[in-house]
N, C-alpha and C. Protein backbone atom coordinates (compact mmCIF):
# COMPACT_ATOMS: atom_id res chain seq x y z
N UNK A 1 -13.18 26.29 -5.90
CA UNK A 1 -12.40 25.34 -5.63
C UNK A 1 -11.13 25.24 -6.29
N UNK A 2 -10.06 25.07 -5.74
CA UNK A 2 -8.64 25.06 -6.15
C UNK A 2 -8.19 24.31 -7.12
N UNK A 3 -7.02 24.52 -7.89
CA UNK A 3 -6.73 23.30 -8.45
C UNK A 3 -5.86 22.39 -7.80
N UNK A 4 -5.28 22.82 -6.64
CA UNK A 4 -4.58 21.75 -5.79
C UNK A 4 -5.63 20.76 -5.10
N UNK A 5 -6.87 21.44 -4.60
CA UNK A 5 -8.09 20.53 -4.38
C UNK A 5 -8.34 19.69 -5.21
N UNK A 6 -8.85 19.82 -6.29
CA UNK A 6 -8.90 19.24 -7.39
C UNK A 6 -8.05 18.24 -8.03
N UNK A 7 -6.74 18.15 -7.85
CA UNK A 7 -5.59 17.28 -7.78
C UNK A 7 -5.73 16.08 -6.89
N UNK A 8 -6.24 16.74 -5.41
CA UNK A 8 -6.33 16.13 -4.57
C UNK A 8 -7.66 15.12 -4.45
N UNK A 9 -8.72 15.83 -5.05
CA UNK A 9 -9.76 14.74 -5.27
C UNK A 9 -9.27 13.35 -6.41
N UNK A 10 -8.57 13.95 -7.52
CA UNK A 10 -8.37 12.92 -8.59
C UNK A 10 -7.69 11.94 -7.85
N UNK A 11 -6.63 12.53 -7.01
CA UNK A 11 -5.77 11.07 -6.53
C UNK A 11 -6.06 10.46 -5.49
N UNK A 12 -7.12 11.14 -4.92
CA UNK A 12 -7.89 10.17 -3.83
C UNK A 12 -8.60 9.29 -4.41
N UNK A 13 -9.36 9.70 -5.58
CA UNK A 13 -10.36 8.60 -6.24
C UNK A 13 -9.52 7.74 -6.93
N UNK A 14 -8.41 7.96 -7.45
CA UNK A 14 -7.56 6.66 -8.21
C UNK A 14 -7.15 5.53 -6.87
N UNK A 15 -6.64 6.16 -5.68
CA UNK A 15 -6.54 5.64 -4.56
C UNK A 15 -7.61 4.66 -4.11
N UNK A 16 -8.69 4.95 -4.04
CA UNK A 16 -9.96 4.55 -3.55
C UNK A 16 -10.10 3.21 -4.58
N UNK A 17 -10.47 3.85 -5.69
CA UNK A 17 -10.48 2.97 -6.99
C UNK A 17 -10.00 1.90 -7.08
N UNK A 18 -8.26 1.92 -6.80
CA UNK A 18 -7.35 1.11 -6.96
C UNK A 18 -7.56 -0.06 -5.75
N UNK A 19 -7.74 0.22 -4.67
CA UNK A 19 -8.20 -0.36 -3.45
C UNK A 19 -9.49 -1.62 -3.79
N UNK A 20 -10.61 -0.67 -4.40
CA UNK A 20 -11.68 -1.40 -4.44
C UNK A 20 -11.52 -2.57 -5.72
N UNK A 21 -11.05 -2.17 -6.67
CA UNK A 21 -10.53 -3.12 -7.37
C UNK A 21 -9.65 -4.41 -7.28
N UNK A 22 -8.54 -3.75 -6.47
CA UNK A 22 -7.85 -4.81 -5.84
C UNK A 22 -8.66 -6.05 -4.90
N UNK A 23 -9.78 -5.42 -4.27
CA UNK A 23 -10.46 -6.32 -3.78
C UNK A 23 -11.38 -6.98 -4.41
N UNK A 24 -11.75 -6.52 -5.65
CA UNK A 24 -12.86 -7.39 -6.35
C UNK A 24 -12.20 -7.90 -7.45
N UNK A 25 -10.92 -7.92 -8.22
CA UNK A 25 -10.93 -8.38 -8.98
C UNK A 25 -10.14 -10.33 -8.61
N UNK A 26 -10.28 -10.72 -9.58
CA UNK A 26 -10.19 -12.64 -9.14
C UNK A 26 -8.95 -12.68 -9.68
N UNK A 27 -8.15 -12.08 -10.65
CA UNK A 27 -6.69 -12.69 -10.96
C UNK A 27 -5.78 -11.71 -10.21
N UNK A 28 -4.91 -12.48 -9.50
CA UNK A 28 -3.93 -11.87 -8.73
C UNK A 28 -2.79 -10.91 -9.25
N UNK A 29 -2.55 -11.06 -10.60
CA UNK A 29 -1.59 -9.86 -11.07
C UNK A 29 -2.32 -8.86 -11.60
N UNK A 30 -3.65 -9.07 -11.82
CA UNK A 30 -4.25 -7.74 -11.97
C UNK A 30 -4.66 -7.09 -10.39
N UNK A 31 -4.70 -7.67 -9.34
CA UNK A 31 -5.07 -7.40 -7.85
C UNK A 31 -3.76 -6.21 -7.84
N UNK A 32 -2.43 -6.86 -8.11
CA UNK A 32 -1.23 -6.36 -8.21
C UNK A 32 -1.16 -4.69 -8.46
N UNK A 33 -1.66 -4.89 -10.01
CA UNK A 33 -1.71 -3.76 -10.84
C UNK A 33 -2.41 -2.86 -10.25
N UNK A 34 -3.65 -3.01 -9.50
CA UNK A 34 -4.53 -2.19 -8.98
C UNK A 34 -3.73 -1.52 -7.72
N UNK A 35 -3.23 -2.24 -6.93
CA UNK A 35 -2.56 -1.84 -5.94
C UNK A 35 -1.27 -1.02 -6.39
N UNK A 36 -0.55 -1.26 -7.44
CA UNK A 36 0.42 -0.24 -8.03
C UNK A 36 -0.52 1.05 -8.25
N UNK A 37 -1.61 1.12 -8.56
CA UNK A 37 -2.17 2.31 -9.10
C UNK A 37 -2.34 3.08 -7.74
N UNK A 38 -2.63 2.37 -6.72
CA UNK A 38 -3.07 2.92 -5.31
C UNK A 38 -1.81 3.56 -4.83
N UNK A 39 -0.84 2.98 -4.92
CA UNK A 39 0.58 3.44 -4.14
C UNK A 39 1.30 4.73 -4.82
N UNK A 40 0.70 4.49 -6.35
CA UNK A 40 1.37 5.90 -6.79
C UNK A 40 0.23 7.15 -6.79
N UNK A 41 -0.92 6.81 -6.34
CA UNK A 41 -1.79 7.93 -6.26
C UNK A 41 -1.58 8.40 -5.05
N UNK A 42 -1.28 7.49 -3.85
CA UNK A 42 -0.77 8.20 -2.80
C UNK A 42 0.40 9.12 -2.46
N UNK A 43 1.44 8.37 -3.54
CA UNK A 43 2.80 9.50 -3.20
C UNK A 43 2.49 10.47 -4.34
N UNK A 44 1.38 10.98 -4.95
CA UNK A 44 0.83 12.10 -5.66
C UNK A 44 0.20 12.87 -4.38
N UNK A 45 -0.43 12.49 -3.68
CA UNK A 45 -1.09 12.94 -2.24
C UNK A 45 0.15 13.63 -1.45
N UNK A 46 1.21 12.83 -1.43
CA UNK A 46 2.34 13.15 -0.59
C UNK A 46 2.90 14.23 -0.93
N UNK A 47 3.11 14.63 -2.34
CA UNK A 47 3.69 15.53 -3.36
C UNK A 47 3.25 16.82 -2.62
N UNK A 48 1.50 16.66 -3.02
CA UNK A 48 0.62 17.86 -2.64
C UNK A 48 1.03 18.43 -1.01
N UNK A 49 1.21 17.37 -0.03
CA UNK A 49 1.78 17.73 1.04
C UNK A 49 3.17 18.29 1.24
N UNK A 50 4.04 18.42 0.33
CA UNK A 50 5.29 19.02 0.40
C UNK A 50 5.97 17.83 0.75
N UNK A 51 6.00 16.64 0.75
CA UNK A 51 6.57 15.49 1.39
C UNK A 51 7.11 14.62 0.29
N UNK A 52 8.32 15.31 -0.46
CA UNK A 52 8.65 14.78 -1.96
C UNK A 52 9.74 13.47 -1.54
N UNK A 53 10.45 13.46 -0.58
CA UNK A 53 11.19 12.45 -0.38
C UNK A 53 10.24 11.30 0.41
N UNK A 54 9.42 11.46 0.99
CA UNK A 54 8.37 10.22 1.31
C UNK A 54 7.72 9.97 0.12
N UNK A 55 7.23 10.77 -0.79
CA UNK A 55 6.41 10.38 -2.11
C UNK A 55 7.84 9.65 -3.07
N UNK A 56 8.92 9.96 -3.17
CA UNK A 56 9.89 9.18 -3.94
C UNK A 56 10.20 7.57 -2.94
N UNK A 57 9.95 7.54 -1.66
CA UNK A 57 10.07 6.33 -1.23
C UNK A 57 8.57 5.29 -1.74
N UNK A 58 7.63 6.31 -1.42
CA UNK A 58 6.61 5.36 -1.72
C UNK A 58 6.63 4.77 -2.98
N UNK A 59 7.32 5.30 -3.85
CA UNK A 59 7.23 4.86 -5.21
C UNK A 59 8.41 3.88 -5.67
N UNK A 60 9.37 4.04 -5.00
CA UNK A 60 10.42 3.15 -5.24
C UNK A 60 10.22 1.79 -4.34
N UNK A 61 10.02 2.31 -2.79
CA UNK A 61 9.61 0.95 -2.25
C UNK A 61 8.31 0.18 -2.58
N UNK A 62 7.17 1.04 -2.26
CA UNK A 62 6.02 0.32 -2.47
C UNK A 62 5.83 -0.10 -3.90
N UNK A 63 5.59 1.00 -4.79
CA UNK A 63 5.25 0.59 -6.41
C UNK A 63 5.99 -0.20 -7.12
N UNK A 64 7.56 -0.14 -6.40
CA UNK A 64 8.77 -1.02 -7.31
C UNK A 64 8.77 -2.08 -6.35
N UNK A 65 9.65 -2.25 -5.32
CA UNK A 65 9.80 -3.00 -4.73
C UNK A 65 9.16 -4.29 -4.19
N UNK A 66 8.11 -3.53 -3.38
CA UNK A 66 6.79 -4.73 -2.45
C UNK A 66 5.86 -5.15 -3.66
N UNK A 67 5.86 -4.49 -4.80
CA UNK A 67 5.31 -4.91 -5.69
C UNK A 67 6.08 -6.15 -6.63
N UNK A 68 6.95 -5.97 -7.15
CA UNK A 68 7.88 -7.06 -7.62
C UNK A 68 7.82 -8.28 -6.57
N UNK A 69 8.22 -7.95 -5.48
CA UNK A 69 8.31 -9.15 -4.60
C UNK A 69 6.82 -9.89 -4.38
N UNK A 70 5.76 -9.37 -4.33
CA UNK A 70 4.58 -9.86 -4.69
C UNK A 70 4.59 -10.70 -5.87
N UNK A 71 4.88 -10.07 -6.80
CA UNK A 71 4.89 -10.78 -8.07
C UNK A 71 5.50 -12.34 -8.00
N UNK A 72 6.98 -11.73 -7.40
CA UNK A 72 7.66 -13.27 -7.32
C UNK A 72 7.15 -14.10 -6.42
N UNK A 73 6.36 -13.83 -5.40
CA UNK A 73 5.72 -14.41 -4.61
C UNK A 73 4.62 -15.57 -5.10
N UNK A 74 4.05 -14.91 -6.20
CA UNK A 74 2.72 -15.31 -6.68
C UNK A 74 3.58 -16.40 -7.84
N UNK A 75 4.71 -15.90 -8.13
CA UNK A 75 5.20 -17.10 -9.47
C UNK A 75 5.87 -18.20 -8.84
N UNK A 76 6.73 -17.92 -7.74
CA UNK A 76 7.50 -18.85 -6.58
C UNK A 76 6.18 -19.93 -6.28
N UNK A 77 5.19 -19.57 -5.81
CA UNK A 77 4.30 -20.24 -5.09
C UNK A 77 3.08 -21.18 -5.94
N UNK A 78 2.58 -21.84 -5.67
CA UNK A 78 1.75 -22.59 -6.72
C UNK A 78 0.27 -21.99 -6.59
N UNK A 79 -0.09 -21.23 -7.26
CA UNK A 79 -1.21 -20.35 -7.11
C UNK A 79 -2.08 -20.87 -7.76
N UNK A 80 -3.40 -21.41 -7.29
CA UNK A 80 -4.42 -21.56 -8.16
C UNK A 80 -5.40 -20.93 -8.08
N UNK A 81 -5.84 -20.11 -9.46
CA UNK A 81 -6.88 -19.18 -9.96
C UNK A 81 -8.35 -19.99 -9.46
N UNK A 82 -8.30 -20.03 -8.35
CA UNK A 82 -9.91 -20.66 -8.27
C UNK A 82 -10.92 -19.25 -7.76
N UNK A 83 -11.68 -18.98 -8.82
CA UNK A 83 -12.51 -18.14 -8.45
C UNK A 83 -13.72 -18.01 -7.43
N UNK A 84 -13.68 -17.49 -6.75
CA UNK A 84 -14.74 -17.48 -5.11
C UNK A 84 -16.22 -17.19 -5.74
N UNK A 85 -16.67 -18.07 -5.30
CA UNK A 85 -18.26 -17.46 -5.74
C UNK A 85 -18.75 -16.57 -4.85
N UNK A 86 -19.84 -15.68 -5.96
CA UNK A 86 -20.09 -14.60 -5.92
C UNK A 86 -21.19 -14.43 -4.57
N UNK A 87 -20.94 -13.46 -3.85
CA UNK A 87 -21.66 -13.28 -2.64
C UNK A 87 -22.97 -12.96 -2.64
N UNK A 88 -23.56 -12.90 -1.74
CA UNK A 88 -25.29 -12.79 -1.83
C UNK A 88 -25.84 -11.42 -1.72
N UNK A 89 -26.94 -11.09 -2.29
CA UNK A 89 -26.99 -9.50 -2.22
C UNK A 89 -27.23 -9.00 -0.89
N UNK A 90 -27.51 -9.74 -0.09
CA UNK A 90 -27.76 -9.35 1.54
C UNK A 90 -26.59 -9.27 1.88
N UNK A 91 -25.70 -9.81 1.60
CA UNK A 91 -24.07 -9.57 2.45
C UNK A 91 -23.64 -8.43 1.75
N UNK A 92 -23.94 -8.19 0.35
CA UNK A 92 -23.21 -6.93 -0.21
C UNK A 92 -24.00 -5.73 0.39
N UNK A 93 -25.21 -5.53 0.57
CA UNK A 93 -25.73 -4.52 1.23
C UNK A 93 -25.53 -4.44 2.53
N UNK A 94 -25.15 -5.65 3.38
CA UNK A 94 -24.84 -5.25 4.49
C UNK A 94 -23.53 -4.35 4.65
N UNK A 95 -22.34 -5.37 3.44
CA UNK A 95 -21.23 -4.41 3.31
C UNK A 95 -21.16 -2.93 3.02
N UNK A 96 -22.10 -2.58 2.23
CA UNK A 96 -22.35 -1.16 1.56
C UNK A 96 -22.95 -0.58 2.88
N UNK A 97 -23.71 -1.09 3.81
CA UNK A 97 -24.06 -0.30 4.71
C UNK A 97 -23.24 -0.03 5.61
N UNK A 98 -22.54 -1.11 5.75
CA UNK A 98 -20.98 -0.97 6.82
C UNK A 98 -19.98 0.36 6.38
N UNK A 99 -19.91 0.21 4.91
CA UNK A 99 -18.80 1.43 4.68
C UNK A 99 -19.68 2.83 4.57
N UNK A 100 -20.88 2.71 4.28
CA UNK A 100 -21.72 3.82 4.57
C UNK A 100 -21.74 4.84 6.13
N UNK A 101 -21.93 3.54 7.06
CA UNK A 101 -21.69 4.32 8.57
C UNK A 101 -20.36 4.47 8.80
N UNK A 102 -19.26 3.82 8.04
CA UNK A 102 -17.87 4.30 8.21
C UNK A 102 -17.63 5.52 7.71
N UNK A 103 -18.09 5.91 6.26
CA UNK A 103 -17.81 7.13 5.79
C UNK A 103 -18.57 8.17 6.64
N UNK A 104 -19.78 7.82 6.99
CA UNK A 104 -20.76 9.13 7.87
C UNK A 104 -19.65 9.69 9.32
N UNK A 105 -19.59 8.65 9.71
CA UNK A 105 -18.56 8.50 10.91
C UNK A 105 -17.38 9.52 10.76
N UNK A 106 -16.71 9.06 9.90
CA UNK A 106 -15.64 9.70 9.52
C UNK A 106 -15.64 11.21 9.20
N UNK A 107 -16.73 11.36 8.26
CA UNK A 107 -17.13 12.71 8.27
C UNK A 107 -17.62 13.49 9.27
N UNK A 108 -18.20 13.37 10.30
CA UNK A 108 -18.38 13.77 11.54
C UNK A 108 -17.31 13.91 12.49
N UNK A 109 -16.56 13.15 12.30
CA UNK A 109 -15.20 13.06 13.10
C UNK A 109 -14.38 14.10 12.61
N UNK A 110 -13.97 14.81 11.00
CA UNK A 110 -13.26 15.27 10.59
C UNK A 110 -13.81 16.76 10.68
N UNK A 111 -14.84 16.49 10.36
CA UNK A 111 -16.14 17.74 10.34
C UNK A 111 -15.47 19.30 10.79
N UNK A 112 -15.64 19.06 12.12
CA UNK A 112 -14.94 20.30 12.90
C UNK A 112 -13.82 20.11 13.68
N UNK A 113 -12.94 19.30 13.12
CA UNK A 113 -11.40 18.92 13.74
C UNK A 113 -10.82 20.20 13.40
N UNK A 114 -10.17 20.51 14.75
CA UNK A 114 -8.88 22.05 14.66
C UNK A 114 -7.77 21.24 14.99
N UNK A 115 -6.70 21.81 13.93
CA UNK A 115 -5.57 21.26 13.88
C UNK A 115 -4.72 21.75 14.44
N UNK A 116 -5.09 23.16 14.91
CA UNK A 116 -4.21 24.33 15.58
C UNK A 116 -3.52 25.09 14.18
N UNK A 117 -2.45 25.70 14.78
CA UNK A 117 -1.61 26.42 13.90
C UNK A 117 -1.08 25.51 12.54
N UNK A 118 -0.51 25.72 11.33
CA UNK A 118 -0.03 25.07 10.54
C UNK A 118 1.47 25.47 10.74
N UNK A 119 2.35 24.23 10.60
CA UNK A 119 3.47 24.53 10.82
C UNK A 119 4.34 24.84 9.68
N UNK A 120 5.08 26.21 9.89
CA UNK A 120 5.74 26.98 8.66
C UNK A 120 6.77 26.41 8.16
N UNK A 121 7.82 25.60 9.08
CA UNK A 121 9.05 25.06 8.97
C UNK A 121 9.01 23.51 8.69
N UNK A 122 8.12 23.10 8.51
CA UNK A 122 7.65 21.53 8.28
C UNK A 122 8.31 21.24 7.13
N UNK A 123 8.11 21.76 5.83
CA UNK A 123 8.69 21.22 4.72
C UNK A 123 10.31 21.90 4.30
N UNK A 124 10.72 22.48 4.86
CA UNK A 124 11.86 23.06 4.57
C UNK A 124 13.40 21.99 5.13
N UNK A 125 13.93 21.86 4.39
CA UNK A 125 15.11 20.73 4.28
C UNK A 125 14.29 19.49 4.90
N UNK A 126 13.22 18.88 4.22
CA UNK A 126 12.33 17.95 5.14
C UNK A 126 13.23 16.37 4.67
N UNK A 127 14.17 16.51 3.52
CA UNK A 127 15.13 15.15 3.44
C UNK A 127 15.97 15.14 4.43
N UNK A 128 17.04 15.96 4.66
CA UNK A 128 17.82 16.23 5.59
C UNK A 128 17.19 15.98 7.10
N UNK A 129 15.93 16.49 7.22
CA UNK A 129 15.82 16.31 8.81
C UNK A 129 15.27 14.74 9.00
N UNK A 130 14.66 14.13 7.99
CA UNK A 130 14.30 12.99 7.98
C UNK A 130 15.37 11.82 8.17
N UNK A 131 16.58 11.76 7.22
CA UNK A 131 17.98 11.50 7.30
C UNK A 131 18.66 11.73 8.57
N UNK A 132 18.44 13.05 9.37
CA UNK A 132 19.42 12.73 10.36
C UNK A 132 18.51 12.20 11.37
N UNK A 133 17.30 12.26 11.72
CA UNK A 133 16.41 11.43 12.61
C UNK A 133 16.49 9.71 12.28
N UNK A 134 16.10 9.51 11.21
CA UNK A 134 16.33 7.84 10.76
C UNK A 134 17.83 7.45 10.94
N UNK A 135 19.00 8.31 10.63
CA UNK A 135 20.26 7.66 11.10
C UNK A 135 21.17 8.10 12.45
N UNK A 136 20.19 8.68 13.08
CA UNK A 136 20.85 8.96 14.85
C UNK A 136 19.82 8.27 15.78
N UNK A 137 18.72 8.42 15.70
CA UNK A 137 17.79 7.94 16.57
C UNK A 137 17.54 6.45 16.66
N UNK A 138 16.99 6.47 15.02
CA UNK A 138 16.57 5.27 14.59
C UNK A 138 17.06 4.29 13.89
N UNK A 139 18.69 4.20 14.04
CA UNK A 139 19.52 3.38 13.33
C UNK A 139 19.44 1.88 13.72
N UNK A 140 19.09 1.66 14.75
CA UNK A 140 19.18 0.37 15.44
C UNK A 140 18.13 -0.44 14.80
N UNK A 141 16.55 0.00 14.82
CA UNK A 141 15.31 -0.53 14.32
C UNK A 141 15.47 -0.46 12.72
N UNK A 142 16.16 0.51 11.77
CA UNK A 142 16.05 0.35 10.56
C UNK A 142 17.33 -0.55 10.25
N UNK A 143 18.21 -1.17 10.75
CA UNK A 143 18.79 -1.81 10.54
C UNK A 143 18.18 -3.30 10.75
N UNK A 144 17.24 -3.24 11.78
CA UNK A 144 17.13 -4.74 12.16
C UNK A 144 15.75 -5.15 11.06
N UNK A 145 15.52 -4.10 10.55
CA UNK A 145 14.36 -4.27 9.66
C UNK A 145 14.71 -4.53 8.41
N UNK A 146 16.01 -4.20 7.96
CA UNK A 146 16.65 -4.71 6.91
C UNK A 146 17.08 -6.32 7.24
N UNK A 147 17.68 -6.64 8.21
CA UNK A 147 17.64 -8.29 8.47
C UNK A 147 16.28 -8.92 8.19
N UNK A 148 15.28 -8.45 8.94
CA UNK A 148 13.71 -8.93 9.03
C UNK A 148 13.61 -9.31 7.59
N UNK A 149 13.66 -8.33 6.61
CA UNK A 149 13.08 -8.47 5.71
C UNK A 149 14.24 -9.60 4.59
N UNK A 150 15.40 -9.64 4.86
CA UNK A 150 16.36 -10.24 4.27
C UNK A 150 16.15 -11.85 4.48
N UNK A 151 15.88 -12.00 5.74
CA UNK A 151 15.34 -13.34 6.26
C UNK A 151 14.12 -14.20 5.57
N UNK A 152 13.09 -12.87 5.70
CA UNK A 152 11.82 -13.42 5.12
C UNK A 152 12.32 -13.84 3.51
N UNK A 153 12.84 -12.88 3.10
CA UNK A 153 13.04 -13.13 1.64
C UNK A 153 13.78 -14.88 1.27
N UNK A 154 14.66 -14.86 2.20
CA UNK A 154 15.78 -16.45 2.31
C UNK A 154 14.58 -17.19 2.41
N UNK A 155 13.76 -17.21 3.26
CA UNK A 155 12.69 -18.25 3.86
C UNK A 155 11.74 -18.25 2.55
N UNK A 156 11.21 -17.50 2.10
CA UNK A 156 10.39 -17.63 0.68
C UNK A 156 10.89 -18.25 -0.10
N UNK A 157 12.33 -18.23 -0.34
CA UNK A 157 12.77 -19.20 -1.35
C UNK A 157 13.15 -20.27 -0.97
N UNK A 158 13.57 -20.71 0.15
CA UNK A 158 13.81 -21.86 0.73
C UNK A 158 12.35 -23.11 0.49
N UNK A 159 11.27 -22.08 1.05
CA UNK A 159 10.07 -22.96 0.96
C UNK A 159 9.72 -23.23 -0.56
N UNK A 160 9.87 -22.30 -1.27
CA UNK A 160 9.54 -22.83 -2.82
C UNK A 160 10.37 -23.74 -3.40
N UNK A 161 11.67 -23.98 -3.14
CA UNK A 161 12.70 -24.90 -3.17
C UNK A 161 12.06 -26.60 -2.80
N UNK A 162 11.76 -26.06 -1.47
CA UNK A 162 10.95 -27.58 -0.99
C UNK A 162 9.93 -27.70 -1.51
N UNK A 163 8.92 -27.15 -2.41
CA UNK A 163 7.78 -27.66 -3.14
C UNK A 163 8.15 -27.93 -4.56
N UNK A 164 9.05 -27.31 -5.31
CA UNK A 164 9.76 -28.09 -6.11
C UNK A 164 10.42 -29.16 -6.03
N UNK A 165 11.03 -29.50 -4.89
CA UNK A 165 11.70 -31.06 -4.84
C UNK A 165 10.61 -32.12 -4.43
N UNK A 166 9.46 -31.50 -3.52
CA UNK A 166 8.53 -32.59 -3.53
C UNK A 166 8.03 -33.03 -4.87
N UNK A 167 7.51 -31.77 -5.47
CA UNK A 167 6.99 -32.28 -6.84
C UNK A 167 7.71 -33.03 -7.69
N UNK A 168 9.03 -32.74 -7.62
CA UNK A 168 9.92 -33.64 -8.99
C UNK A 168 9.93 -35.17 -7.96
N UNK A 169 9.65 -35.36 -6.85
CA UNK A 169 9.73 -36.36 -6.47
C UNK A 169 8.64 -37.52 -6.65
N UNK A 170 7.39 -36.46 -6.70
CA UNK A 170 6.28 -37.39 -6.69
C UNK A 170 6.39 -37.71 -8.32
N UNK A 171 6.74 -36.90 -9.23
CA UNK A 171 7.10 -37.35 -10.73
C UNK A 171 7.86 -38.76 -10.83
């Protein structure tokens, strides 16, 4: 077992544990923190794959910006922390069985998978290659995505302001 494989296993387990914690925790802020652990461990897996630029973007955009936007969304909206009732034992057994079936299916799907020859020039100047592709072929979708995100942020602020005005009028 190589060191790289051991690091991959640790990062994969952290990502999976973060996802499981995010689903099972009851407080929204704790859920966001568990999601950050998943995002950072996935960035570590990108580093193992020699995709340093994608790892940096993963940390900056997902672990940083998306998490902050989620926290602002939690703070701007009236979030009532109502704990959900616990699921029954039969439902939990059904969920665990479904997860086990999915895991076995994925294992047998990947076990004899032949990916062909490994690309040797893939990670040479990968940041430059991503930049050329992004700003030459995909510049319009890239800019449209930024406009959509801006409109969504402005819409969230307007909706939050309306809730504040309605509550102020009630008092």
